[in-house]
Amino acid sequence: MKIIIHGGFFSESSTNNETKIAKQEALARIVRESYAFLKHNSALETVAYAVTLLEDDELFNAGTGSQIQSDGKIRMSASIMDGLTQKMSGVINIEAVKNPVQVAQLLLDSDDKVLGGEGATDFARKMGFAEFSTEIPQRRTEYEAKKQPTGTGTVGCVALDSHGRIAVATSTGGKGFEIPGRISDSATVAGNYANALCGVSCTGVGEDIVSGAVAAKIVTRVTDGFSLCDAFDKTFEELLPFDGFAGAIAIDSTGKICHRHSHPKMVFASFDGENLEVFE
């Protein structure tokens, strides 16, 4: 059993060491808690659990800590994919829901697996998700001051369970100040993808990740016989012509973990029950 999570890039914390340390400590705590959960649950259940914990932590740009769009509203996106069934579901630009990843998880059992905007929000209400204000003071201060965020904040998790099953989940609060209706990579196969051999979650600039089809390419290359690290090398090389800003975490069916970013510094943590690694 193995698990790896990411919390996006150190944007605001590049000049704030306290925030940087707080994020590292939060990731260490969450990856340990999620591994403990994995001991008694499936990979699919675990990635939803881990991303829920990340969404609940206002340090990260997802769920409670989501950025504010140009019209003053918060809209979030999330997806989940089961490597065993190769089914993916997600929500795009959902509003006033504490945990978008949980809504995405419920959609796995629906005929309509990816919902956007009002449809996603209405589905969440019908399924019992109460209206929830995700705004925190820091995000409002950034919005009022019209500071342009880097748009590199996303959270995600890849897990390999005791039965060899792989799953992945990714969630984001967007890049901040975007045009309402903008689609990020997080609820697409470019940002979140898995099959029986590999699972990948991405973070960075959504437009670059979509242009590079990053997650889907890595998983496809592993399926076609590439080693996990070679699949990363080839895919990230293809970002170079347009200076693509991306980071990715992955686990393959052998338990190999790989991670890469095209621009420093992505924050992530992995745990296998004995070895804890927290990176920046």
C-alpha atoms as a PDB file:
ATOM      1  CA  MET A   1       0.000   0.000   0.000  1.00  0.00           C
ATOM      2  CA  LYS A   2       1.219   3.441  -0.900  1.00  0.00           C
ATOM      3  CA  ILE A   3      -0.184   6.943  -1.047  1.00  0.00           C
ATOM      4  CA  ILE A   4       1.008  10.287  -2.387  1.00  0.00           C
ATOM      5  CA  ILE A   5      -0.712  13.671  -2.144  1.00  0.00           C
ATOM      6  CA  HIS A   6       0.004  17.133  -3.475  1.00  0.00           C
ATOM      7  CA  GLY A   7      -1.037  20.624  -2.430  1.00  0.00           C
ATOM      8  CA  GLY A   8      -0.205  22.617  -5.537  1.00  0.00           C
ATOM      9  CA  PHE A   9       2.751  24.953  -5.833  1.00  0.00           C
ATOM     10  CA  PHE A  10       4.283  27.257  -3.223  1.00  0.00           C
ATOM     11  CA  SER A  11       2.956  30.488  -4.693  1.00  0.00           C
ATOM     12  CA  GLU A  12       2.225  32.805  -1.780  1.00  0.00           C
ATOM     13  CA  SER A  13       4.558  30.840   0.484  1.00  0.00           C
ATOM     14  CA  SER A  14       7.582  31.604  -1.680  1.00  0.00           C
ATOM     15  CA  THR A  15       7.907  34.802   0.356  1.00  0.00           C
ATOM     16  CA  ASN A  16       6.287  33.471   3.538  1.00  0.00           C
ATOM     17  CA  ASN A  17       8.285  30.785   5.307  1.00  0.00           C
ATOM     18  CA  GLU A  18       5.620  30.303   7.969  1.00  0.00           C
ATOM     19  CA  THR A  19       3.034  29.393   5.316  1.00  0.00           C
ATOM     20  CA  LYS A  20       5.516  27.075   3.649  1.00  0.00           C
ATOM     21  CA  ILE A  21       6.178  25.213   6.897  1.00  0.00           C
ATOM     22  CA  ALA A  22       2.457  25.098   7.709  1.00  0.00           C
ATOM     23  CA  LYS A  23       1.724  23.479   4.342  1.00  0.00           C
ATOM     24  CA  GLN A  24       4.449  20.900   4.811  1.00  0.00           C
ATOM     25  CA  GLU A  25       3.169  20.020   8.274  1.00  0.00           C
ATOM     26  CA  ALA A  26      -0.409  19.800   6.994  1.00  0.00           C
ATOM     27  CA  LEU A  27       0.624  17.452   4.177  1.00  0.00           C
ATOM     28  CA  ALA A  28       2.572  15.237   6.575  1.00  0.00           C
ATOM     29  CA  ARG A  29      -0.462  14.977   8.848  1.00  0.00           C
ATOM     30  CA  ILE A  30      -2.935  14.354   6.018  1.00  0.00           C
ATOM     31  CA  VAL A  31      -0.839  11.716   4.252  1.00  0.00           C
ATOM     32  CA  ARG A  32      -0.443   9.789   7.525  1.00  0.00           C
ATOM     33  CA  GLU A  33      -4.160   9.992   8.309  1.00  0.00           C
ATOM     34  CA  SER A  34      -5.007   8.911   4.792  1.00  0.00           C
ATOM     35  CA  TYR A  35      -2.646   5.938   4.933  1.00  0.00           C
ATOM     36  CA  ALA A  36      -4.272   4.829   8.171  1.00  0.00           C
ATOM     37  CA  PHE A  37      -7.630   5.028   6.365  1.00  0.00           C
ATOM     38  CA  LEU A  38      -6.214   3.070   3.409  1.00  0.00           C
ATOM     39  CA  LYS A  39      -5.431   0.118   5.686  1.00  0.00           C
ATOM     40  CA  HIS A  40      -9.138  -0.620   6.014  1.00  0.00           C
ATOM     41  CA  ASN A  41     -10.576   0.882   2.824  1.00  0.00           C
ATOM     42  CA  SER A  42     -10.143   0.785  -0.938  1.00  0.00           C
ATOM     43  CA  ALA A  43      -7.919   3.056  -2.970  1.00  0.00           C
ATOM     44  CA  LEU A  44     -11.039   4.743  -4.374  1.00  0.00           C
ATOM     45  CA  GLU A  45     -12.441   5.490  -0.937  1.00  0.00           C
ATOM     46  CA  THR A  46      -9.040   6.670   0.246  1.00  0.00           C
ATOM     47  CA  VAL A  47      -8.386   9.237  -2.462  1.00  0.00           C
ATOM     48  CA  ALA A  48     -11.794  10.799  -1.748  1.00  0.00           C
ATOM     49  CA  TYR A  49     -10.970  10.814   1.965  1.00  0.00           C
ATOM     50  CA  ALA A  50      -7.535  12.387   1.466  1.00  0.00           C
ATOM     51  CA  VAL A  51      -8.774  15.083  -0.910  1.00  0.00           C
ATOM     52  CA  THR A  52     -11.605  15.876   1.512  1.00  0.00           C
ATOM     53  CA  LEU A  53      -9.000  16.553   4.208  1.00  0.00           C
ATOM     54  CA  LEU A  54      -7.100  18.798   1.784  1.00  0.00           C
ATOM     55  CA  GLU A  55     -10.302  20.635   0.825  1.00  0.00           C
ATOM     56  CA  ASP A  56     -11.030  21.234   4.510  1.00  0.00           C
ATOM     57  CA  ASP A  57      -7.655  22.896   5.103  1.00  0.00           C
ATOM     58  CA  GLU A  58      -7.760  26.575   4.158  1.00  0.00           C
ATOM     59  CA  LEU A  59      -4.031  26.555   3.412  1.00  0.00           C
ATOM     60  CA  PHE A  60      -4.776  24.892   0.081  1.00  0.00           C
ATOM     61  CA  ASN A  61      -6.630  26.198  -2.964  1.00  0.00           C
ATOM     62  CA  ALA A  62      -9.536  23.770  -2.954  1.00  0.00           C
ATOM     63  CA  GLY A  63     -12.772  23.544  -1.025  1.00  0.00           C
ATOM     64  CA  THR A  64     -12.553  25.908   1.951  1.00  0.00           C
ATOM     65  CA  GLY A  65      -9.431  27.682   0.683  1.00  0.00           C
ATOM     66  CA  SER A  66     -10.638  28.274  -2.890  1.00  0.00           C
ATOM     67  CA  GLN A  67      -9.738  31.354  -4.904  1.00  0.00           C
ATOM     68  CA  ILE A  68     -12.308  33.981  -5.937  1.00  0.00           C
ATOM     69  CA  GLN A  69     -13.195  34.513  -9.594  1.00  0.00           C
ATOM     70  CA  SER A  70     -13.382  37.852 -11.404  1.00  0.00           C
ATOM     71  CA  ASP A  71     -17.074  38.355 -10.578  1.00  0.00           C
ATOM     72  CA  GLY A  72     -16.489  37.868  -6.854  1.00  0.00           C
ATOM     73  CA  LYS A  73     -17.808  34.299  -6.692  1.00  0.00           C
ATOM     74  CA  ILE A  74     -16.100  31.028  -5.823  1.00  0.00           C
ATOM     75  CA  ARG A  75     -16.492  28.113  -8.195  1.00  0.00           C
ATOM     76  CA  MET A  76     -14.701  24.820  -7.724  1.00  0.00           C
ATOM     77  CA  SER A  77     -13.913  21.727  -9.755  1.00  0.00           C
ATOM     78  CA  ALA A  78     -13.005  18.180  -8.757  1.00  0.00           C
ATOM     79  CA  SER A  79     -12.858  14.678 -10.168  1.00  0.00           C
ATOM     80  CA  ILE A  80     -12.189  11.114  -9.141  1.00  0.00           C
ATOM     81  CA  MET A  81     -11.222   8.043 -11.162  1.00  0.00           C
ATOM     82  CA  ASP A  82     -11.210   4.359 -10.320  1.00  0.00           C
ATOM     83  CA  GLY A  83      -8.345   2.562 -12.051  1.00  0.00           C
ATOM     84  CA  LEU A  84     -10.103  -0.782 -11.668  1.00  0.00           C
ATOM     85  CA  THR A  85     -13.293   0.163 -13.540  1.00  0.00           C
ATOM     86  CA  GLN A  86     -11.648   2.998 -15.523  1.00  0.00           C
ATOM     87  CA  LYS A  87     -14.654   5.175 -14.705  1.00  0.00           C
ATOM     88  CA  MET A  88     -14.186   8.889 -14.030  1.00  0.00           C
ATOM     89  CA  SER A  89     -16.638  11.419 -12.664  1.00  0.00           C
ATOM     90  CA  GLY A  90     -16.412  15.091 -11.782  1.00  0.00           C
ATOM     91  CA  VAL A  91     -17.923  18.475 -11.136  1.00  0.00           C
ATOM     92  CA  ILE A  92     -16.957  21.695 -12.877  1.00  0.00           C
ATOM     93  CA  ASN A  93     -17.576  25.187 -11.457  1.00  0.00           C
ATOM     94  CA  ILE A  94     -19.707  23.936  -8.585  1.00  0.00           C
ATOM     95  CA  GLU A  95     -20.673  26.556  -5.991  1.00  0.00           C
ATOM     96  CA  ALA A  96     -21.155  26.720  -2.214  1.00  0.00           C
ATOM     97  CA  VAL A  97     -20.254  23.090  -1.514  1.00  0.00           C
ATOM     98  CA  LYS A  98     -17.695  22.268   1.160  1.00  0.00           C
ATOM     99  CA  ASN A  99     -16.296  19.152  -0.503  1.00  0.00           C
ATOM    100  CA  PRO A 100     -16.595  18.973  -4.296  1.00  0.00           C
ATOM    101  CA  VAL A 101     -14.659  15.692  -4.381  1.00  0.00           C
ATOM    102  CA  GLN A 102     -17.461  13.991  -2.450  1.00  0.00           C
ATOM    103  CA  VAL A 103     -19.988  15.155  -5.044  1.00  0.00           C
ATOM    104  CA  ALA A 104     -17.715  13.803  -7.778  1.00  0.00           C
ATOM    105  CA  GLN A 105     -17.518  10.488  -5.926  1.00  0.00           C
ATOM    106  CA  LEU A 106     -21.319  10.173  -5.842  1.00  0.00           C
ATOM    107  CA  LEU A 107     -21.477  10.790  -9.594  1.00  0.00           C
ATOM    108  CA  LEU A 108     -19.548   7.557 -10.220  1.00  0.00           C
ATOM    109  CA  ASP A 109     -22.868   5.774  -9.779  1.00  0.00           C
ATOM    110  CA  SER A 110     -24.746   8.160 -12.075  1.00  0.00           C
ATOM    111  CA  ASP A 111     -25.357   7.824 -15.797  1.00  0.00           C
ATOM    112  CA  ASP A 112     -24.282  11.470 -16.145  1.00  0.00           C
ATOM    113  CA  LYS A 113     -20.832  11.436 -14.634  1.00  0.00           C
ATOM    114  CA  VAL A 114     -19.522  14.977 -15.218  1.00  0.00           C
ATOM    115  CA  LEU A 115     -21.727  17.929 -14.294  1.00  0.00           C
ATOM    116  CA  GLY A 116     -21.000  21.639 -14.566  1.00  0.00           C
ATOM    117  CA  GLY A 117     -22.237  24.910 -13.118  1.00  0.00           C
ATOM    118  CA  GLU A 118     -25.810  25.031 -11.845  1.00  0.00           C
ATOM    119  CA  GLY A 119     -26.343  21.383 -12.742  1.00  0.00           C
ATOM    120  CA  ALA A 120     -23.485  20.317 -10.487  1.00  0.00           C
ATOM    121  CA  THR A 121     -24.675  22.531  -7.644  1.00  0.00           C
ATOM    122  CA  ASP A 122     -28.297  21.368  -7.993  1.00  0.00           C
ATOM    123  CA  PHE A 123     -27.190  17.727  -7.945  1.00  0.00           C
ATOM    124  CA  ALA A 124     -25.208  18.363  -4.758  1.00  0.00           C
ATOM    125  CA  ARG A 125     -28.243  19.929  -3.059  1.00  0.00           C
ATOM    126  CA  LYS A 126     -30.478  17.030  -4.074  1.00  0.00           C
ATOM    127  CA  MET A 127     -27.927  14.625  -2.621  1.00  0.00           C
ATOM    128  CA  GLY A 128     -27.990  16.421   0.723  1.00  0.00           C
ATOM    129  CA  PHE A 129     -24.947  18.695   0.470  1.00  0.00           C
ATOM    130  CA  ALA A 130     -25.858  21.818   2.422  1.00  0.00           C
ATOM    131  CA  GLU A 131     -25.012  25.297   1.154  1.00  0.00           C
ATOM    132  CA  PHE A 132     -21.614  26.213   2.510  1.00  0.00           C
ATOM    133  CA  SER A 133     -19.576  29.416   2.283  1.00  0.00           C
ATOM    134  CA  THR A 134     -16.083  28.440   1.213  1.00  0.00           C
ATOM    135  CA  GLU A 135     -14.683  31.962   1.379  1.00  0.00           C
ATOM    136  CA  ILE A 136     -11.904  32.733   3.844  1.00  0.00           C
ATOM    137  CA  PRO A 137     -10.633  36.245   4.731  1.00  0.00           C
ATOM    138  CA  GLN A 138      -7.270  35.787   2.995  1.00  0.00           C
ATOM    139  CA  ARG A 139      -8.926  35.093  -0.364  1.00  0.00           C
ATOM    140  CA  ARG A 140     -11.204  38.141  -0.030  1.00  0.00           C
ATOM    141  CA  THR A 141      -8.212  40.327   0.848  1.00  0.00           C
ATOM    142  CA  GLU A 142      -6.385  39.073  -2.235  1.00  0.00           C
ATOM    143  CA  TYR A 143      -9.433  39.709  -4.377  1.00  0.00           C
ATOM    144  CA  GLU A 144     -10.066  43.244  -3.087  1.00  0.00           C
ATOM    145  CA  ALA A 145      -6.411  44.134  -3.504  1.00  0.00           C
ATOM    146  CA  LYS A 146      -6.583  42.669  -7.033  1.00  0.00           C
ATOM    147  CA  LYS A 147      -3.437  40.657  -6.504  1.00  0.00           C
ATOM    148  CA  GLN A 148      -3.077  38.274  -9.402  1.00  0.00           C
ATOM    149  CA  PRO A 149      -2.625  34.729  -8.024  1.00  0.00           C
ATOM    150  CA  THR A 150      -0.381  32.399  -9.967  1.00  0.00           C
ATOM    151  CA  GLY A 151      -3.181  29.967 -10.748  1.00  0.00           C
ATOM    152  CA  THR A 152      -1.088  27.004  -9.679  1.00  0.00           C
ATOM    153  CA  GLY A 153      -3.125  25.769  -6.726  1.00  0.00           C
ATOM    154  CA  THR A 154      -4.731  22.331  -6.784  1.00  0.00           C
ATOM    155  CA  VAL A 155      -4.819  19.335  -4.440  1.00  0.00           C
ATOM    156  CA  GLY A 156      -4.750  15.678  -5.337  1.00  0.00           C
ATOM    157  CA  CYS A 157      -4.116  12.118  -4.220  1.00  0.00           C
ATOM    158  CA  VAL A 158      -3.067   8.815  -5.793  1.00  0.00           C
ATOM    159  CA  ALA A 159      -3.397   5.595  -3.806  1.00  0.00           C
ATOM    160  CA  LEU A 160      -2.492   1.933  -4.262  1.00  0.00           C
ATOM    161  CA  ASP A 161      -4.387  -0.388  -1.926  1.00  0.00           C
ATOM    162  CA  SER A 162      -3.627  -3.846  -0.537  1.00  0.00           C
ATOM    163  CA  HIS A 163      -5.464  -5.491  -3.443  1.00  0.00           C
ATOM    164  CA  GLY A 164      -3.336  -3.698  -6.027  1.00  0.00           C
ATOM    165  CA  ARG A 165      -6.099  -1.287  -7.024  1.00  0.00           C
ATOM    166  CA  ILE A 166      -5.225   2.279  -8.014  1.00  0.00           C
ATOM    167  CA  ALA A 167      -7.391   5.385  -7.745  1.00  0.00           C
ATOM    168  CA  VAL A 168      -6.875   9.116  -8.092  1.00  0.00           C
ATOM    169  CA  ALA A 169      -8.725  12.297  -7.118  1.00  0.00           C
ATOM    170  CA  THR A 170      -8.023  15.972  -7.788  1.00  0.00           C
ATOM    171  CA  SER A 171      -9.711  19.177  -6.615  1.00  0.00           C
ATOM    172  CA  THR A 172      -9.186  22.899  -7.224  1.00  0.00           C
ATOM    173  CA  GLY A 173     -10.535  26.313  -6.376  1.00  0.00           C
ATOM    174  CA  GLY A 174      -9.355  27.715  -9.712  1.00  0.00           C
ATOM    175  CA  LYS A 175      -6.636  30.220 -10.497  1.00  0.00           C
ATOM    176  CA  GLY A 176      -8.392  33.306  -9.135  1.00  0.00           C
ATOM    177  CA  PHE A 177      -9.783  36.248 -11.115  1.00  0.00           C
ATOM    178  CA  GLU A 178     -10.586  33.990 -14.039  1.00  0.00           C
ATOM    179  CA  ILE A 179     -13.501  34.648 -16.380  1.00  0.00           C
ATOM    180  CA  PRO A 180     -16.599  32.880 -15.026  1.00  0.00           C
ATOM    181  CA  GLY A 181     -17.058  29.688 -17.005  1.00  0.00           C
ATOM    182  CA  ARG A 182     -13.360  28.968 -17.371  1.00  0.00           C
ATOM    183  CA  ILE A 183     -12.618  25.214 -17.226  1.00  0.00           C
ATOM    184  CA  SER A 184      -9.577  23.955 -15.342  1.00  0.00           C
ATOM    185  CA  ASP A 185      -7.772  20.676 -15.920  1.00  0.00           C
ATOM    186  CA  SER A 186      -8.806  19.126 -12.605  1.00  0.00           C
ATOM    187  CA  ALA A 187     -12.060  17.586 -13.816  1.00  0.00           C
ATOM    188  CA  THR A 188     -10.578  16.411 -17.119  1.00  0.00           C
ATOM    189  CA  VAL A 189      -8.434  13.433 -18.106  1.00  0.00           C
ATOM    190  CA  ALA A 190      -5.543  15.862 -18.601  1.00  0.00           C
ATOM    191  CA  GLY A 191      -5.388  16.561 -14.888  1.00  0.00           C
ATOM    192  CA  ASN A 192      -6.729  13.375 -13.331  1.00  0.00           C
ATOM    193  CA  TYR A 193      -6.434   9.912 -14.861  1.00  0.00           C
ATOM    194  CA  ALA A 194      -5.978   6.270 -13.850  1.00  0.00           C
ATOM    195  CA  ASN A 195      -6.256   2.700 -15.008  1.00  0.00           C
ATOM    196  CA  ALA A 196      -5.181  -0.640 -13.533  1.00  0.00           C
ATOM    197  CA  LEU A 197      -1.515   0.140 -14.218  1.00  0.00           C
ATOM    198  CA  CYS A 198      -1.062   3.763 -13.152  1.00  0.00           C
ATOM    199  CA  GLY A 199      -2.735   6.811 -11.608  1.00  0.00           C
ATOM    200  CA  VAL A 200      -1.767  10.468 -12.064  1.00  0.00           C
ATOM    201  CA  SER A 201      -2.923  13.737 -10.460  1.00  0.00           C
ATOM    202  CA  CYS A 202      -1.708  17.089 -11.777  1.00  0.00           C
ATOM    203  CA  THR A 203      -1.327  20.647 -10.564  1.00  0.00           C
ATOM    204  CA  GLY A 204      -0.090  23.840 -12.195  1.00  0.00           C
ATOM    205  CA  VAL A 205      -1.581  26.074 -14.876  1.00  0.00           C
ATOM    206  CA  GLY A 206      -4.691  24.293 -16.069  1.00  0.00           C
ATOM    207  CA  GLU A 207      -4.461  25.553 -19.624  1.00  0.00           C
ATOM    208  CA  ASP A 208      -0.926  24.162 -19.964  1.00  0.00           C
ATOM    209  CA  ILE A 209      -1.897  20.812 -18.451  1.00  0.00           C
ATOM    210  CA  VAL A 210      -4.826  20.502 -20.857  1.00  0.00           C
ATOM    211  CA  SER A 211      -2.632  21.484 -23.805  1.00  0.00           C
ATOM    212  CA  GLY A 212      -0.147  18.794 -22.797  1.00  0.00           C
ATOM    213  CA  ALA A 213      -2.802  16.184 -21.922  1.00  0.00           C
ATOM    214  CA  VAL A 214      -0.408  15.415 -19.092  1.00  0.00           C
ATOM    215  CA  ALA A 215      -2.154  12.813 -16.901  1.00  0.00           C
ATOM    216  CA  ALA A 216      -3.679  10.863 -19.785  1.00  0.00           C
ATOM    217  CA  LYS A 217      -0.375  10.782 -21.675  1.00  0.00           C
ATOM    218  CA  ILE A 218       1.570   9.459 -18.697  1.00  0.00           C
ATOM    219  CA  VAL A 219      -0.955   6.702 -17.991  1.00  0.00           C
ATOM    220  CA  THR A 220      -1.217   5.773 -21.669  1.00  0.00           C
ATOM    221  CA  ARG A 221       2.551   5.538 -22.006  1.00  0.00           C
ATOM    222  CA  VAL A 222       2.813   3.289 -18.966  1.00  0.00           C
ATOM    223  CA  THR A 223       0.069   1.120 -20.471  1.00  0.00           C
ATOM    224  CA  ASP A 224       2.050   0.959 -23.725  1.00  0.00           C
ATOM    225  CA  GLY A 225       5.152  -0.308 -21.934  1.00  0.00           C
ATOM    226  CA  PHE A 226       7.034   2.792 -20.758  1.00  0.00           C
ATOM    227  CA  SER A 227       8.399   2.726 -17.237  1.00  0.00           C
ATOM    228  CA  LEU A 228       6.676   5.282 -15.013  1.00  0.00           C
ATOM    229  CA  CYS A 229       9.691   7.577 -14.887  1.00  0.00           C
ATOM    230  CA  ASP A 230      10.255   7.329 -18.646  1.00  0.00           C
ATOM    231  CA  ALA A 231       6.604   8.223 -19.205  1.00  0.00           C
ATOM    232  CA  PHE A 232       7.110  11.295 -17.024  1.00  0.00           C
ATOM    233  CA  ASP A 233      10.289  12.254 -18.891  1.00  0.00           C
ATOM    234  CA  LYS A 234       8.642  12.033 -22.323  1.00  0.00           C
ATOM    235  CA  THR A 235       5.486  13.884 -21.275  1.00  0.00           C
ATOM    236  CA  PHE A 236       7.306  16.720 -19.536  1.00  0.00           C
ATOM    237  CA  GLU A 237       9.652  17.090 -22.510  1.00  0.00           C
ATOM    238  CA  GLU A 238       6.565  17.817 -24.595  1.00  0.00           C
ATOM    239  CA  LEU A 239       5.730  20.777 -22.331  1.00  0.00           C
ATOM    240  CA  LEU A 240       8.994  22.538 -23.188  1.00  0.00           C
ATOM    241  CA  PRO A 241       7.986  24.092 -26.548  1.00  0.00           C
ATOM    242  CA  PHE A 242       5.323  26.228 -24.849  1.00  0.00           C
ATOM    243  CA  ASP A 243       6.999  26.443 -21.410  1.00  0.00           C
ATOM    244  CA  GLY A 244       4.157  24.460 -19.869  1.00  0.00           C
ATOM    245  CA  PHE A 245       3.718  24.972 -16.127  1.00  0.00           C
ATOM    246  CA  ALA A 246       2.776  21.632 -14.614  1.00  0.00           C
ATOM    247  CA  GLY A 247       3.436  19.245 -11.789  1.00  0.00           C
ATOM    248  CA  ALA A 248       2.310  15.647 -11.377  1.00  0.00           C
ATOM    249  CA  ILE A 249       2.315  12.803  -8.874  1.00  0.00           C
ATOM    250  CA  ALA A 250       1.814   9.129  -9.729  1.00  0.00           C
ATOM    251  CA  ILE A 251       1.890   5.544  -8.516  1.00  0.00           C
ATOM    252  CA  ASP A 252       2.028   2.496 -10.783  1.00  0.00           C
ATOM    253  CA  SER A 253       0.825  -1.045 -10.130  1.00  0.00           C
ATOM    254  CA  THR A 254       4.280  -2.167  -8.963  1.00  0.00           C
ATOM    255  CA  GLY A 255       4.249   0.474  -6.225  1.00  0.00           C
ATOM    256  CA  LYS A 256       6.679   2.777  -8.010  1.00  0.00           C
ATOM    257  CA  ILE A 257       6.119   6.438  -7.106  1.00  0.00           C
ATOM    258  CA  CYS A 258       7.109   9.265  -9.438  1.00  0.00           C
ATOM    259  CA  HIS A 259       6.711  13.019  -9.256  1.00  0.00           C
ATOM    260  CA  ARG A 260       7.836  15.893 -11.418  1.00  0.00           C
ATOM    261  CA  HIS A 261       7.350  19.605 -11.888  1.00  0.00           C
ATOM    262  CA  SER A 262       8.356  21.842 -14.752  1.00  0.00           C
ATOM    263  CA  HIS A 263       8.674  24.904 -12.515  1.00  0.00           C
ATOM    264  CA  PRO A 264       9.583  24.876  -8.824  1.00  0.00           C
ATOM    265  CA  LYS A 265       8.163  24.295  -6.304  1.00  0.00           C
ATOM    266  CA  MET A 266       5.376  21.739  -6.064  1.00  0.00           C
ATOM    267  CA  VAL A 267       4.530  20.599  -2.547  1.00  0.00           C
ATOM    268  CA  PHE A 268       3.714  16.936  -2.012  1.00  0.00           C
ATOM    269  CA  ALA A 269       4.072  14.100   0.467  1.00  0.00           C
ATOM    270  CA  SER A 270       4.180  10.309   0.233  1.00  0.00           C
ATOM    271  CA  PHE A 271       3.892   7.529   2.797  1.00  0.00           C
ATOM    272  CA  ASP A 272       4.113   3.730   2.648  1.00  0.00           C
ATOM    273  CA  GLY A 273       3.551   2.941   6.309  1.00  0.00           C
ATOM    274  CA  GLU A 274       7.201   3.374   7.212  1.00  0.00           C
ATOM    275  CA  ASN A 275       8.787   6.074   5.097  1.00  0.00           C
ATOM    276  CA  LEU A 276       7.348   9.576   5.141  1.00  0.00           C
ATOM    277  CA  GLU A 277       8.655  12.036   2.575  1.00  0.00           C
ATOM    278  CA  VAL A 278       7.540  15.663   2.364  1.00  0.00           C
ATOM    279  CA  PHE A 279       8.823  17.622  -0.616  1.00  0.00           C
ATOM    280  CA  GLU A 280       8.890  21.180  -1.851  1.00  0.00           C
END
